N, C-alpha and C. Protein backbone atom coordinates (compact mmCIF):
# COMPACT_ATOMS: atom_id res chain seq x y z
N MET A 1 60.95 40.06 17.29
CA MET A 1 60.08 39.00 17.77
C MET A 1 58.92 38.81 16.79
N ASN A 2 58.58 37.56 16.48
CA ASN A 2 57.50 37.27 15.56
C ASN A 2 56.14 37.59 16.18
N LYS A 3 55.12 37.53 15.36
CA LYS A 3 53.77 37.79 15.84
C LYS A 3 53.38 36.77 16.89
N ILE A 4 52.72 37.24 17.94
CA ILE A 4 52.28 36.41 19.05
C ILE A 4 50.76 36.42 19.08
N THR A 5 50.16 35.29 19.35
CA THR A 5 48.72 35.25 19.59
C THR A 5 48.49 34.78 21.02
N LYS A 6 47.60 35.47 21.70
CA LYS A 6 47.33 35.14 23.10
C LYS A 6 45.83 35.09 23.35
N SER A 7 45.44 34.17 24.23
CA SER A 7 44.04 34.05 24.59
C SER A 7 43.92 33.74 26.06
N LEU A 8 43.26 34.62 26.79
CA LEU A 8 42.83 34.32 28.15
C LEU A 8 41.30 34.25 28.13
N LYS A 9 40.71 34.04 29.28
CA LYS A 9 39.26 33.97 29.32
C LYS A 9 38.66 35.29 28.84
N THR A 10 37.73 35.20 27.90
CA THR A 10 37.15 36.40 27.31
C THR A 10 35.66 36.44 27.59
N THR A 11 35.08 37.61 27.35
CA THR A 11 33.66 37.79 27.64
C THR A 11 32.96 38.43 26.45
N VAL A 12 31.69 38.13 26.30
CA VAL A 12 30.82 38.82 25.34
C VAL A 12 29.82 39.61 26.17
N ASN A 13 29.98 40.92 26.19
CA ASN A 13 29.13 41.76 27.03
C ASN A 13 27.77 42.05 26.41
N ASP A 14 27.73 42.15 25.08
CA ASP A 14 26.46 42.46 24.44
C ASP A 14 26.55 42.15 22.95
N VAL A 15 25.40 41.88 22.36
CA VAL A 15 25.27 41.65 20.92
C VAL A 15 24.04 42.43 20.47
N THR A 16 24.18 43.29 19.46
CA THR A 16 23.05 44.09 19.00
C THR A 16 22.59 43.63 17.63
N GLU A 17 21.36 43.99 17.30
CA GLU A 17 20.80 43.63 16.00
C GLU A 17 21.54 44.31 14.86
N LYS A 18 22.20 45.42 15.15
CA LYS A 18 22.96 46.14 14.13
C LYS A 18 24.32 45.51 13.86
N GLY A 19 24.60 44.41 14.55
CA GLY A 19 25.85 43.71 14.31
C GLY A 19 27.02 44.25 15.10
N ILE A 20 26.74 44.96 16.18
CA ILE A 20 27.82 45.44 17.07
C ILE A 20 27.97 44.44 18.21
N VAL A 21 29.17 43.90 18.38
CA VAL A 21 29.44 43.00 19.48
C VAL A 21 30.42 43.67 20.42
N ILE A 22 30.10 43.64 21.68
CA ILE A 22 30.96 44.25 22.70
C ILE A 22 31.67 43.13 23.43
N ILE A 23 32.98 43.06 23.23
CA ILE A 23 33.74 41.90 23.70
C ILE A 23 34.98 42.32 24.48
N GLY A 24 35.27 41.56 25.52
CA GLY A 24 36.53 41.73 26.24
C GLY A 24 37.53 40.74 25.67
N ILE A 25 38.57 41.24 24.99
CA ILE A 25 39.45 40.33 24.26
C ILE A 25 40.68 39.90 25.05
N THR A 26 40.88 40.47 26.24
CA THR A 26 42.02 40.05 27.05
C THR A 26 41.76 40.42 28.50
N GLN A 27 42.63 39.95 29.37
CA GLN A 27 42.61 40.33 30.77
C GLN A 27 44.01 40.81 31.13
N PHE A 28 44.09 41.89 31.84
CA PHE A 28 45.38 42.44 32.21
C PHE A 28 45.90 41.81 33.51
N ASP A 29 47.22 41.73 33.58
CA ASP A 29 47.92 41.29 34.80
C ASP A 29 47.57 39.85 35.19
N GLN A 30 47.15 39.05 34.20
CA GLN A 30 46.84 37.65 34.43
C GLN A 30 47.82 36.76 33.67
N TYR A 31 48.34 35.74 34.32
CA TYR A 31 49.26 34.82 33.66
C TYR A 31 48.51 33.93 32.68
N ASP A 32 49.10 33.71 31.51
CA ASP A 32 48.53 32.72 30.60
C ASP A 32 49.32 31.42 30.75
N SER A 33 49.08 30.45 29.87
CA SER A 33 49.70 29.13 30.02
C SER A 33 51.21 29.17 29.77
N ASP A 34 51.71 30.25 29.16
CA ASP A 34 53.16 30.42 28.99
C ASP A 34 53.77 31.24 30.11
N ASN A 35 52.94 31.59 31.11
CA ASN A 35 53.35 32.47 32.21
C ASN A 35 53.68 33.88 31.73
N ASP A 36 53.11 34.26 30.59
CA ASP A 36 53.21 35.63 30.10
C ASP A 36 52.05 36.44 30.65
N ARG A 37 52.25 37.77 30.74
CA ARG A 37 51.18 38.66 31.17
C ARG A 37 51.17 39.92 30.32
N LEU A 38 49.98 40.38 29.96
CA LEU A 38 49.82 41.73 29.43
C LEU A 38 49.54 42.63 30.62
N LEU A 39 50.38 43.62 30.83
CA LEU A 39 50.21 44.49 31.98
C LEU A 39 49.20 45.59 31.68
N THR A 40 48.59 46.11 32.73
CA THR A 40 47.67 47.22 32.57
C THR A 40 48.36 48.37 31.84
N GLY A 41 47.74 48.88 30.81
CA GLY A 41 48.31 49.96 30.01
C GLY A 41 49.03 49.50 28.76
N SER A 42 49.19 48.19 28.60
CA SER A 42 49.95 47.69 27.45
C SER A 42 49.25 47.93 26.12
N LEU A 43 47.94 48.15 26.14
CA LEU A 43 47.19 48.41 24.91
C LEU A 43 46.98 49.90 24.64
N SER A 44 47.34 50.76 25.59
CA SER A 44 46.99 52.18 25.48
C SER A 44 47.54 52.83 24.23
N LYS A 45 48.81 52.63 23.95
CA LYS A 45 49.44 53.29 22.81
C LYS A 45 48.92 52.71 21.49
N THR A 46 48.88 51.40 21.40
CA THR A 46 48.48 50.79 20.13
C THR A 46 47.01 51.06 19.83
N TRP A 47 46.16 51.16 20.85
CA TRP A 47 44.75 51.45 20.61
C TRP A 47 44.50 52.92 20.33
N THR A 48 45.46 53.76 20.64
CA THR A 48 45.33 55.18 20.31
C THR A 48 45.90 55.48 18.93
N GLU A 49 47.00 54.85 18.59
CA GLU A 49 47.74 55.21 17.38
C GLU A 49 47.59 54.22 16.22
N SER A 50 47.15 53.02 16.48
CA SER A 50 47.14 51.99 15.44
C SER A 50 45.71 51.58 15.08
N LYS A 51 45.58 50.91 13.95
CA LYS A 51 44.29 50.41 13.50
C LYS A 51 44.30 48.88 13.58
N GLN A 52 43.19 48.33 14.07
CA GLN A 52 43.05 46.88 14.16
C GLN A 52 41.89 46.42 13.28
N VAL A 53 41.85 45.13 13.04
CA VAL A 53 40.74 44.53 12.30
C VAL A 53 40.23 43.32 13.06
N HIS A 54 38.98 42.96 12.79
CA HIS A 54 38.35 41.81 13.41
C HIS A 54 38.40 40.66 12.42
N LEU A 55 39.06 39.56 12.82
CA LEU A 55 39.22 38.40 11.95
C LEU A 55 38.56 37.17 12.57
N ILE A 56 38.54 36.10 11.81
CA ILE A 56 38.12 34.79 12.32
C ILE A 56 39.34 33.89 12.40
N ASP A 57 39.60 33.35 13.58
CA ASP A 57 40.69 32.38 13.80
C ASP A 57 42.06 32.89 13.33
N HIS A 58 42.28 34.19 13.39
CA HIS A 58 43.58 34.80 13.04
C HIS A 58 43.96 34.62 11.57
N GLN A 59 43.02 34.25 10.74
CA GLN A 59 43.34 33.97 9.35
C GLN A 59 43.22 35.23 8.51
N LYS A 60 44.25 35.51 7.72
CA LYS A 60 44.26 36.68 6.87
C LYS A 60 43.45 36.42 5.61
N GLY A 61 42.91 37.49 5.04
CA GLY A 61 42.17 37.35 3.79
C GLY A 61 40.78 37.94 3.90
N MET A 62 40.22 38.32 2.78
CA MET A 62 38.91 38.96 2.78
C MET A 62 37.81 38.05 3.32
N SER A 63 37.96 36.74 3.11
CA SER A 63 36.90 35.83 3.56
C SER A 63 36.83 35.71 5.07
N THR A 64 37.90 36.10 5.78
CA THR A 64 37.90 36.02 7.24
C THR A 64 37.98 37.39 7.90
N PHE A 65 37.89 38.45 7.10
CA PHE A 65 37.83 39.82 7.62
C PHE A 65 36.37 40.14 7.86
N VAL A 66 35.98 40.27 9.14
CA VAL A 66 34.56 40.36 9.46
C VAL A 66 34.13 41.70 10.04
N GLY A 67 35.07 42.54 10.49
CA GLY A 67 34.62 43.79 11.09
C GLY A 67 35.76 44.68 11.53
N LEU A 68 35.36 45.82 12.12
CA LEU A 68 36.31 46.82 12.59
C LEU A 68 35.89 47.33 13.97
N PRO A 69 36.86 47.75 14.79
CA PRO A 69 36.50 48.33 16.08
C PRO A 69 35.93 49.73 15.89
N ILE A 70 34.87 50.03 16.61
CA ILE A 70 34.32 51.39 16.59
C ILE A 70 34.53 52.09 17.93
N ALA A 71 34.93 51.32 18.94
CA ALA A 71 35.29 51.88 20.24
C ALA A 71 36.21 50.90 20.94
N LYS A 72 37.23 51.44 21.63
CA LYS A 72 38.20 50.59 22.31
C LYS A 72 38.52 51.21 23.68
N ASP A 73 38.45 50.40 24.72
CA ASP A 73 38.76 50.87 26.06
C ASP A 73 40.02 50.18 26.55
N PRO A 74 41.18 50.86 26.47
CA PRO A 74 42.43 50.21 26.85
C PRO A 74 42.56 49.91 28.34
N LYS A 75 41.68 50.48 29.15
CA LYS A 75 41.75 50.21 30.59
C LYS A 75 41.12 48.87 30.93
N THR A 76 40.16 48.44 30.11
CA THR A 76 39.45 47.20 30.40
C THR A 76 39.72 46.10 29.37
N GLY A 77 40.27 46.48 28.21
CA GLY A 77 40.46 45.51 27.14
C GLY A 77 39.18 45.18 26.39
N ILE A 78 38.18 46.06 26.50
CA ILE A 78 36.88 45.83 25.85
C ILE A 78 36.82 46.58 24.52
N VAL A 79 36.34 45.90 23.50
CA VAL A 79 36.19 46.45 22.15
C VAL A 79 34.72 46.40 21.75
N GLU A 80 34.25 47.49 21.15
CA GLU A 80 32.98 47.45 20.44
C GLU A 80 33.31 47.24 18.97
N SER A 81 32.91 46.11 18.45
CA SER A 81 33.30 45.73 17.10
C SER A 81 32.08 45.69 16.20
N GLN A 82 32.15 46.43 15.08
CA GLN A 82 31.06 46.44 14.12
C GLN A 82 31.30 45.37 13.07
N LEU A 83 30.42 44.36 13.04
CA LEU A 83 30.52 43.33 12.03
C LEU A 83 29.96 43.86 10.71
N ASN A 84 30.54 43.41 9.61
CA ASN A 84 30.10 43.80 8.28
C ASN A 84 28.94 42.90 7.86
N LEU A 85 27.73 43.39 8.01
CA LEU A 85 26.55 42.59 7.70
C LEU A 85 26.20 42.63 6.22
N ASN A 86 27.05 43.26 5.42
CA ASN A 86 26.91 43.17 3.97
C ASN A 86 27.65 41.96 3.41
N LYS A 87 28.35 41.25 4.29
CA LYS A 87 29.06 40.03 3.90
C LYS A 87 28.40 38.85 4.60
N GLN A 88 28.29 37.74 3.89
CA GLN A 88 27.65 36.57 4.49
C GLN A 88 28.42 36.08 5.70
N VAL A 89 29.76 36.19 5.66
CA VAL A 89 30.55 35.73 6.80
C VAL A 89 30.21 36.54 8.05
N GLY A 90 29.91 37.84 7.89
CA GLY A 90 29.51 38.66 9.02
C GLY A 90 28.15 38.27 9.56
N ILE A 91 27.22 37.92 8.65
CA ILE A 91 25.89 37.48 9.05
C ILE A 91 25.98 36.16 9.81
N ASP A 92 26.80 35.22 9.31
CA ASP A 92 26.99 33.94 9.99
C ASP A 92 27.59 34.14 11.37
N LEU A 93 28.57 35.03 11.47
CA LEU A 93 29.22 35.25 12.76
C LEU A 93 28.24 35.88 13.75
N LEU A 94 27.42 36.81 13.29
CA LEU A 94 26.43 37.41 14.18
C LEU A 94 25.46 36.34 14.68
N ALA A 95 25.09 35.40 13.80
CA ALA A 95 24.22 34.31 14.22
C ALA A 95 24.88 33.48 15.31
N ASP A 96 26.21 33.27 15.21
CA ASP A 96 26.92 32.54 16.26
C ASP A 96 26.90 33.30 17.58
N TYR A 97 27.11 34.62 17.52
CA TYR A 97 27.07 35.41 18.75
C TYR A 97 25.69 35.34 19.40
N LYS A 98 24.64 35.46 18.59
CA LYS A 98 23.28 35.39 19.13
C LYS A 98 23.02 34.01 19.73
N PHE A 99 23.44 32.97 19.01
CA PHE A 99 23.24 31.61 19.49
C PHE A 99 23.91 31.41 20.84
N SER A 100 25.15 31.86 20.96
CA SER A 100 25.88 31.66 22.21
C SER A 100 25.22 32.42 23.35
N GLN A 101 24.73 33.63 23.05
CA GLN A 101 24.09 34.43 24.08
C GLN A 101 22.79 33.77 24.55
N GLU A 102 22.00 33.26 23.61
CA GLU A 102 20.73 32.63 23.96
C GLU A 102 20.90 31.37 24.78
N HIS A 103 22.04 30.68 24.61
CA HIS A 103 22.26 29.42 25.31
C HIS A 103 23.27 29.55 26.46
N GLY A 104 23.52 30.78 26.87
CA GLY A 104 24.36 31.00 28.04
C GLY A 104 25.81 30.61 27.86
N ARG A 105 26.28 30.62 26.61
CA ARG A 105 27.67 30.30 26.33
C ARG A 105 28.39 31.56 25.87
N SER A 106 29.69 31.43 25.63
CA SER A 106 30.44 32.57 25.14
C SER A 106 31.41 32.13 24.06
N LEU A 107 31.35 32.79 22.92
CA LEU A 107 32.42 32.61 21.95
C LEU A 107 33.73 33.05 22.59
N GLN A 108 34.82 32.50 22.11
CA GLN A 108 36.13 32.86 22.65
C GLN A 108 36.86 33.77 21.67
N HIS A 109 37.83 34.50 22.20
CA HIS A 109 38.55 35.48 21.41
C HIS A 109 40.04 35.43 21.73
N SER A 110 40.81 35.90 20.80
CA SER A 110 42.25 35.99 20.97
C SER A 110 42.71 37.21 20.18
N HIS A 111 43.97 37.59 20.37
CA HIS A 111 44.46 38.73 19.61
C HIS A 111 45.92 38.51 19.20
N GLY A 112 46.27 39.11 18.08
CA GLY A 112 47.61 38.97 17.54
C GLY A 112 48.38 40.27 17.68
N PHE A 113 49.61 40.17 18.17
CA PHE A 113 50.39 41.38 18.41
C PHE A 113 51.89 41.09 18.31
N MET A 114 52.67 42.14 18.33
CA MET A 114 54.11 42.03 18.42
C MET A 114 54.59 42.78 19.66
N ALA A 115 55.61 42.24 20.30
CA ALA A 115 56.20 42.92 21.44
C ALA A 115 56.98 44.14 20.96
N VAL A 116 57.03 45.15 21.78
CA VAL A 116 57.80 46.36 21.48
C VAL A 116 59.15 46.24 22.17
N SER A 117 60.20 46.43 21.42
CA SER A 117 61.56 46.30 21.97
C SER A 117 61.75 47.16 23.21
N GLY A 118 62.27 46.54 24.25
CA GLY A 118 62.54 47.26 25.49
C GLY A 118 61.33 47.44 26.38
N LYS A 119 60.17 46.90 25.95
CA LYS A 119 58.94 47.10 26.70
C LYS A 119 58.41 45.80 27.31
N TYR A 120 59.27 44.81 27.44
CA TYR A 120 58.87 43.59 28.12
C TYR A 120 60.06 43.06 28.92
N THR A 121 59.75 42.38 30.01
CA THR A 121 60.78 41.86 30.91
C THR A 121 60.40 40.45 31.34
N LYS A 122 61.38 39.72 31.82
CA LYS A 122 61.12 38.41 32.41
C LYS A 122 60.43 38.58 33.75
N ASN A 123 59.47 37.70 34.02
CA ASN A 123 58.82 37.76 35.32
C ASN A 123 59.28 36.61 36.21
N ASP A 124 58.77 36.59 37.43
CA ASP A 124 59.21 35.61 38.42
C ASP A 124 58.87 34.17 38.05
N LYS A 125 57.90 33.97 37.14
CA LYS A 125 57.50 32.63 36.75
C LYS A 125 58.21 32.15 35.49
N GLY A 126 59.12 32.98 34.98
CA GLY A 126 59.87 32.58 33.79
C GLY A 126 59.25 33.02 32.49
N GLY A 127 58.08 33.66 32.54
CA GLY A 127 57.44 34.20 31.35
C GLY A 127 57.84 35.65 31.14
N ARG A 128 57.05 36.35 30.32
CA ARG A 128 57.34 37.74 30.00
C ARG A 128 56.19 38.63 30.43
N ASP A 129 56.53 39.78 30.95
CA ASP A 129 55.54 40.81 31.26
C ASP A 129 55.63 41.88 30.19
N PHE A 130 54.54 42.07 29.45
CA PHE A 130 54.52 43.03 28.35
C PHE A 130 53.93 44.35 28.84
N ALA A 131 54.77 45.39 28.88
CA ALA A 131 54.31 46.71 29.29
C ALA A 131 53.69 47.46 28.13
N GLU A 132 54.08 47.10 26.90
CA GLU A 132 53.52 47.72 25.70
C GLU A 132 53.60 46.73 24.55
N ILE A 133 52.56 46.67 23.76
CA ILE A 133 52.55 45.81 22.58
C ILE A 133 52.02 46.60 21.39
N LYS A 134 52.24 46.07 20.20
CA LYS A 134 51.63 46.61 18.99
C LYS A 134 50.64 45.57 18.48
N GLN A 135 49.37 45.90 18.58
CA GLN A 135 48.32 44.94 18.22
C GLN A 135 47.85 45.17 16.79
N PHE A 136 47.65 44.07 16.07
CA PHE A 136 47.22 44.14 14.68
C PHE A 136 45.76 43.71 14.51
N GLU A 137 45.35 42.70 15.25
CA GLU A 137 44.01 42.15 15.05
C GLU A 137 43.54 41.45 16.31
N TYR A 138 42.24 41.29 16.37
CA TYR A 138 41.62 40.43 17.38
C TYR A 138 40.70 39.48 16.63
N SER A 139 40.58 38.28 17.13
CA SER A 139 39.88 37.23 16.39
C SER A 139 38.82 36.55 17.23
N THR A 140 37.72 36.21 16.56
CA THR A 140 36.75 35.30 17.14
C THR A 140 37.20 33.88 16.82
N LEU A 141 37.25 33.03 17.83
CA LEU A 141 37.65 31.64 17.63
C LEU A 141 36.38 30.81 17.49
N LEU A 142 36.02 30.53 16.25
CA LEU A 142 34.73 29.91 16.00
C LEU A 142 34.60 28.53 16.61
N PHE A 143 35.66 27.74 16.57
CA PHE A 143 35.54 26.37 17.03
C PHE A 143 36.37 26.09 18.28
N GLY A 144 36.94 27.09 18.87
CA GLY A 144 37.65 26.88 20.12
C GLY A 144 38.64 25.74 20.04
N ALA A 145 38.44 24.76 20.90
CA ALA A 145 39.38 23.64 20.97
C ALA A 145 39.47 22.87 19.67
N VAL A 146 38.37 22.79 18.93
CA VAL A 146 38.36 21.96 17.74
C VAL A 146 39.23 22.53 16.63
N SER A 147 39.21 23.84 16.46
CA SER A 147 39.92 24.42 15.33
C SER A 147 41.40 24.64 15.62
N ASN A 148 41.75 24.82 16.89
CA ASN A 148 43.11 25.23 17.19
C ASN A 148 44.00 24.13 17.73
N THR A 149 43.44 22.98 17.97
CA THR A 149 44.25 21.85 18.39
C THR A 149 43.71 20.60 17.72
N PRO A 150 44.51 19.57 17.60
CA PRO A 150 43.97 18.29 17.11
C PRO A 150 42.85 17.82 18.02
N LEU A 151 41.94 17.03 17.49
CA LEU A 151 40.81 16.58 18.29
C LEU A 151 41.23 15.79 19.53
N HIS A 152 42.39 15.09 19.44
CA HIS A 152 42.79 14.32 20.62
C HIS A 152 43.27 15.22 21.75
N GLY A 153 43.34 16.54 21.48
CA GLY A 153 43.72 17.46 22.53
C GLY A 153 42.59 17.80 23.47
N ILE A 154 41.35 17.45 23.11
CA ILE A 154 40.24 17.69 24.01
C ILE A 154 40.38 16.77 25.22
N LYS A 155 40.16 17.32 26.39
CA LYS A 155 40.64 16.64 27.59
C LYS A 155 39.85 15.43 28.03
N SER A 156 38.57 15.36 27.77
CA SER A 156 37.80 14.25 28.32
C SER A 156 36.62 13.91 27.42
N ASP A 157 36.05 12.72 27.64
CA ASP A 157 34.87 12.32 26.90
C ASP A 157 33.69 13.24 27.21
N THR A 158 33.66 13.77 28.43
CA THR A 158 32.60 14.72 28.78
C THR A 158 32.68 15.95 27.90
N ASP A 159 33.90 16.45 27.68
CA ASP A 159 34.09 17.60 26.80
C ASP A 159 33.56 17.31 25.41
N VAL A 160 33.86 16.13 24.88
CA VAL A 160 33.43 15.75 23.54
C VAL A 160 31.91 15.71 23.47
N THR A 161 31.28 15.12 24.48
CA THR A 161 29.82 15.03 24.50
C THR A 161 29.19 16.41 24.51
N GLU A 162 29.76 17.32 25.29
CA GLU A 162 29.22 18.68 25.35
C GLU A 162 29.38 19.39 24.00
N LEU A 163 30.51 19.16 23.34
CA LEU A 163 30.73 19.77 22.03
C LEU A 163 29.72 19.24 21.02
N ILE A 164 29.46 17.95 21.06
CA ILE A 164 28.48 17.35 20.14
C ILE A 164 27.10 17.96 20.37
N GLU A 165 26.71 18.09 21.64
CA GLU A 165 25.40 18.65 21.95
C GLU A 165 25.29 20.08 21.44
N THR A 166 26.36 20.87 21.61
CA THR A 166 26.31 22.26 21.18
C THR A 166 26.28 22.39 19.67
N LEU A 167 27.08 21.59 18.98
CA LEU A 167 27.07 21.63 17.52
C LEU A 167 25.71 21.20 16.97
N THR A 168 25.11 20.20 17.60
CA THR A 168 23.78 19.76 17.17
C THR A 168 22.77 20.89 17.35
N LEU A 169 22.86 21.61 18.46
CA LEU A 169 21.98 22.77 18.67
C LEU A 169 22.22 23.84 17.62
N LYS A 170 23.49 24.07 17.31
CA LYS A 170 23.83 25.08 16.30
C LYS A 170 23.19 24.74 14.96
N LEU A 171 23.28 23.48 14.58
CA LEU A 171 22.72 23.06 13.29
C LEU A 171 21.20 23.20 13.29
N SER A 172 20.56 22.92 14.41
CA SER A 172 19.11 23.04 14.47
C SER A 172 18.67 24.50 14.49
N PHE A 173 19.61 25.39 14.87
CA PHE A 173 19.33 26.83 14.88
C PHE A 173 19.01 27.30 13.47
N GLY A 174 19.73 26.77 12.47
CA GLY A 174 19.32 26.86 11.08
C GLY A 174 19.51 28.19 10.38
N ASN A 175 20.24 29.13 10.94
CA ASN A 175 20.39 30.44 10.31
C ASN A 175 21.79 30.61 9.71
N TYR A 176 22.27 29.57 9.02
CA TYR A 176 23.61 29.60 8.45
C TYR A 176 23.55 29.33 6.96
N THR A 177 24.61 29.73 6.26
CA THR A 177 24.73 29.41 4.84
C THR A 177 24.98 27.92 4.69
N ASP A 178 24.75 27.41 3.47
CA ASP A 178 25.00 26.00 3.19
C ASP A 178 26.46 25.64 3.45
N GLU A 179 27.37 26.52 3.03
CA GLU A 179 28.80 26.26 3.20
C GLU A 179 29.17 26.16 4.67
N TYR A 180 28.63 27.08 5.47
CA TYR A 180 28.94 27.09 6.90
C TYR A 180 28.28 25.89 7.59
N GLY A 181 27.07 25.56 7.15
CA GLY A 181 26.40 24.40 7.72
C GLY A 181 27.17 23.12 7.47
N LYS A 182 27.74 22.98 6.27
CA LYS A 182 28.54 21.80 5.94
C LYS A 182 29.78 21.73 6.82
N LEU A 183 30.37 22.90 7.12
CA LEU A 183 31.54 22.94 7.99
C LEU A 183 31.18 22.46 9.39
N LEU A 184 30.03 22.89 9.88
CA LEU A 184 29.58 22.43 11.20
C LEU A 184 29.33 20.93 11.20
N GLU A 185 28.71 20.43 10.13
CA GLU A 185 28.43 18.99 10.04
C GLU A 185 29.72 18.18 10.03
N THR A 186 30.75 18.69 9.33
CA THR A 186 32.04 18.00 9.29
C THR A 186 32.64 17.91 10.69
N LYS A 187 32.60 19.02 11.41
CA LYS A 187 33.13 19.02 12.78
C LYS A 187 32.34 18.07 13.67
N LEU A 188 31.03 18.04 13.46
CA LEU A 188 30.19 17.15 14.26
C LEU A 188 30.55 15.69 14.02
N GLN A 189 30.78 15.32 12.78
CA GLN A 189 31.15 13.94 12.46
C GLN A 189 32.51 13.58 13.04
N GLU A 190 33.44 14.54 13.02
CA GLU A 190 34.76 14.29 13.61
C GLU A 190 34.63 14.02 15.10
N LEU A 191 33.79 14.79 15.77
CA LEU A 191 33.60 14.59 17.20
C LEU A 191 32.92 13.26 17.50
N LYS A 192 31.92 12.90 16.70
CA LYS A 192 31.23 11.62 16.91
C LYS A 192 32.19 10.45 16.73
N SER A 193 33.15 10.61 15.82
CA SER A 193 34.12 9.54 15.60
C SER A 193 34.98 9.32 16.83
N MET A 194 35.15 10.36 17.65
CA MET A 194 35.93 10.22 18.88
C MET A 194 35.20 9.35 19.88
N ILE A 195 33.86 9.41 19.87
CA ILE A 195 33.07 8.56 20.77
C ILE A 195 33.11 7.11 20.30
N LEU A 196 33.07 6.93 18.99
CA LEU A 196 33.09 5.57 18.43
C LEU A 196 34.46 4.93 18.60
N GLU A 197 35.51 5.75 18.54
CA GLU A 197 36.87 5.25 18.70
C GLU A 197 37.52 6.01 19.85
N PRO A 198 37.16 5.69 21.08
CA PRO A 198 37.60 6.48 22.23
C PRO A 198 39.11 6.53 22.35
N GLN A 199 39.58 7.72 22.73
CA GLN A 199 41.00 7.94 22.96
C GLN A 199 41.29 7.74 24.45
N GLN A 200 42.54 7.52 24.76
CA GLN A 200 42.98 7.44 26.15
C GLN A 200 43.22 8.86 26.65
N HIS A 201 42.61 9.21 27.77
CA HIS A 201 42.75 10.55 28.33
C HIS A 201 43.36 10.45 29.73
N SER A 202 44.51 9.83 29.82
CA SER A 202 45.15 9.65 31.12
C SER A 202 46.18 10.73 31.35
N GLU A 203 46.13 11.30 32.53
CA GLU A 203 47.12 12.32 32.86
C GLU A 203 48.51 11.73 32.99
N ASN A 204 48.59 10.40 33.14
CA ASN A 204 49.89 9.77 33.28
C ASN A 204 50.58 9.57 31.94
N GLU A 205 49.82 9.69 30.85
CA GLU A 205 50.41 9.52 29.53
C GLU A 205 50.99 10.84 29.06
N THR A 206 51.87 10.76 28.10
CA THR A 206 52.47 11.96 27.55
C THR A 206 51.41 12.78 26.84
N ASP A 207 51.31 14.05 27.17
CA ASP A 207 50.34 14.94 26.55
C ASP A 207 50.96 15.54 25.30
N PRO A 208 50.46 15.22 24.09
CA PRO A 208 51.06 15.73 22.87
C PRO A 208 50.92 17.22 22.72
N LEU A 209 50.07 17.86 23.55
CA LEU A 209 49.87 19.29 23.44
C LEU A 209 50.43 20.03 24.64
N LYS A 210 51.27 19.36 25.43
CA LYS A 210 51.84 20.02 26.60
C LYS A 210 52.56 21.28 26.17
N GLY A 211 52.29 22.38 26.86
CA GLY A 211 52.89 23.65 26.48
C GLY A 211 52.02 24.45 25.54
N SER A 212 50.91 23.84 25.06
CA SER A 212 50.03 24.55 24.13
C SER A 212 48.62 24.68 24.70
N GLN A 213 48.50 24.61 26.01
CA GLN A 213 47.19 24.57 26.62
C GLN A 213 46.39 25.83 26.36
N LYS A 214 47.07 26.96 26.10
CA LYS A 214 46.33 28.19 25.84
C LYS A 214 45.47 28.06 24.61
N GLN A 215 45.76 27.06 23.76
CA GLN A 215 44.99 26.90 22.54
C GLN A 215 43.58 26.39 22.83
N PHE A 216 43.39 25.69 23.99
CA PHE A 216 42.05 25.18 24.23
C PHE A 216 41.51 25.52 25.61
N THR A 217 42.30 26.12 26.48
CA THR A 217 41.80 26.52 27.77
C THR A 217 40.71 27.58 27.61
N ASN A 218 39.62 27.44 28.35
CA ASN A 218 38.51 28.37 28.36
C ASN A 218 37.76 28.43 27.04
N ALA A 219 37.91 27.43 26.18
CA ALA A 219 37.16 27.43 24.91
C ALA A 219 35.77 26.89 25.19
N ASN A 220 34.95 27.67 25.89
CA ASN A 220 33.71 27.14 26.43
C ASN A 220 32.51 27.44 25.55
N PHE A 221 32.72 27.94 24.34
CA PHE A 221 31.57 28.13 23.46
C PHE A 221 31.08 26.81 22.93
N LEU A 222 32.02 25.95 22.52
CA LEU A 222 31.64 24.67 21.94
C LEU A 222 31.59 23.59 23.01
């Protein structure tokens, strides 16, 4: 089985000045949009025997490698992740965590893993129940719905307006590199173009992202 990425509602429990973020990267025994579930205990073996890394948007490479776990609780799915504050990308990410905390929002997270042969079964809803997985990485999803789906996948004009307001706040926060600031400005312009050229958001129309809702469900940071 190929690598799988999954995202359920995640939490940011704490952010420290030393760059340690305490995050819940999954929920056990909860169905996702594919009707798959990670069962309680599915992370126990991989978190004991394997090494994971903290990435941005599941992208491989040194520019998106931002940290390492320093503590992992397989019973709760909570990771204490040390960001590398010697890298600008780590400093920018810490600024995002602080920003979200100050404004009562939460960055979203996902994780990449492979199923272990013989350790998953079909469930009553037609999905898979994973009793054990091999996890490679967990990722911060910087742009939530914007980065992981086309812009027309955002469900309503209200969502777009909220995203614009949050990105505008982020830019006024002002603690980002020029490169990262330009990226935020680009996303902001893309969102504003949706208001100028409104899309049809009718449930009666064919949804081009049907079956991919996990990509933007609970992306409540932006």
